[in-house]
């Protein structure tokens, strides 16, 4: 009985850490996208100035 409870806690902990890393990856990708969009906007502004 005790072994099953430990296993369940272990699986829950793995799920939490996996969810956390998924969230971190998602945030990193969003930051990259925002940076890329900002650079793109600046390039377009420079093109218009010339």
C-alpha atoms as a PDB file:
ATOM      1  CA  UNK A   1       0.000   0.000   0.000  1.00  0.00           C
ATOM      2  CA  UNK A   2       2.776   2.441   0.947  1.00  0.00           C
ATOM      3  CA  UNK A   3       4.711   1.696  -2.259  1.00  0.00           C
ATOM      4  CA  UNK A   4       1.749   2.740  -4.411  1.00  0.00           C
ATOM      5  CA  UNK A   5       1.440   6.063  -2.596  1.00  0.00           C
ATOM      6  CA  UNK A   6       5.151   6.813  -3.071  1.00  0.00           C
ATOM      7  CA  UNK A   7       4.918   5.986  -6.757  1.00  0.00           C
ATOM      8  CA  UNK A   8       1.878   8.243  -7.164  1.00  0.00           C
ATOM      9  CA  UNK A   9       3.716  11.132  -5.445  1.00  0.00           C
ATOM     10  CA  UNK A  10       6.752  10.565  -7.669  1.00  0.00           C
ATOM     11  CA  UNK A  11       4.627  10.647 -10.828  1.00  0.00           C
ATOM     12  CA  UNK A  12       2.843  13.796  -9.641  1.00  0.00           C
ATOM     13  CA  UNK A  13       6.214  15.482  -8.994  1.00  0.00           C
ATOM     14  CA  UNK A  14       7.433  14.543 -12.507  1.00  0.00           C
ATOM     15  CA  UNK A  15       4.235  15.932 -14.038  1.00  0.00           C
ATOM     16  CA  UNK A  16       4.652  19.213 -12.160  1.00  0.00           C
ATOM     17  CA  UNK A  17       8.259  19.629 -13.300  1.00  0.00           C
ATOM     18  CA  UNK A  18       7.334  18.719 -16.894  1.00  0.00           C
ATOM     19  CA  UNK A  19       4.498  21.259 -16.845  1.00  0.00           C
ATOM     20  CA  UNK A  20       6.891  23.871 -15.449  1.00  0.00           C
ATOM     21  CA  UNK A  21       9.487  23.242 -18.162  1.00  0.00           C
ATOM     22  CA  UNK A  22       6.755  23.376 -20.848  1.00  0.00           C
ATOM     23  CA  UNK A  23       5.668  26.752 -19.503  1.00  0.00           C
ATOM     24  CA  UNK A  24       9.269  28.015 -19.453  1.00  0.00           C
ATOM     25  CA  UNK A  25       9.793  26.846 -23.049  1.00  0.00           C
ATOM     26  CA  UNK A  26       6.577  28.564 -24.107  1.00  0.00           C
ATOM     27  CA  UNK A  27       7.650  31.826 -22.417  1.00  0.00           C
ATOM     28  CA  UNK A  28      11.078  31.648 -24.060  1.00  0.00           C
ATOM     29  CA  UNK A  29       9.479  31.186 -27.496  1.00  0.00           C
ATOM     30  CA  UNK A  30       7.106  34.100 -26.886  1.00  0.00           C
ATOM     31  CA  UNK A  31      10.047  36.349 -25.952  1.00  0.00           C
ATOM     32  CA  UNK A  32      11.859  35.277 -29.127  1.00  0.00           C
ATOM     33  CA  UNK A  33       8.785  36.072 -31.218  1.00  0.00           C
ATOM     34  CA  UNK A  34       8.415  39.511 -29.642  1.00  0.00           C
ATOM     35  CA  UNK A  35      12.099  40.237 -30.253  1.00  0.00           C
ATOM     36  CA  UNK A  36      11.830  39.090 -33.873  1.00  0.00           C
ATOM     37  CA  UNK A  37       8.730  41.245 -34.426  1.00  0.00           C
ATOM     38  CA  UNK A  38      10.443  44.267 -32.882  1.00  0.00           C
ATOM     39  CA  UNK A  39      13.482  43.816 -35.160  1.00  0.00           C
ATOM     40  CA  UNK A  40      11.227  43.393 -38.183  1.00  0.00           C
ATOM     41  CA  UNK A  41       9.378  46.619 -37.348  1.00  0.00           C
ATOM     42  CA  UNK A  42      12.683  48.523 -37.024  1.00  0.00           C
ATOM     43  CA  UNK A  43      13.893  47.195 -40.379  1.00  0.00           C
ATOM     44  CA  UNK A  44      10.661  48.329 -42.052  1.00  0.00           C
ATOM     45  CA  UNK A  45      11.010  51.804 -40.495  1.00  0.00           C
ATOM     46  CA  UNK A  46      14.610  52.054 -41.762  1.00  0.00           C
ATOM     47  CA  UNK A  47      13.477  51.059 -45.268  1.00  0.00           C
ATOM     48  CA  UNK A  48      10.864  53.822 -45.241  1.00  0.00           C
ATOM     49  CA  UNK A  49      13.416  56.408 -44.112  1.00  0.00           C
ATOM     50  CA  UNK A  50      15.753  55.723 -47.060  1.00  0.00           C
END
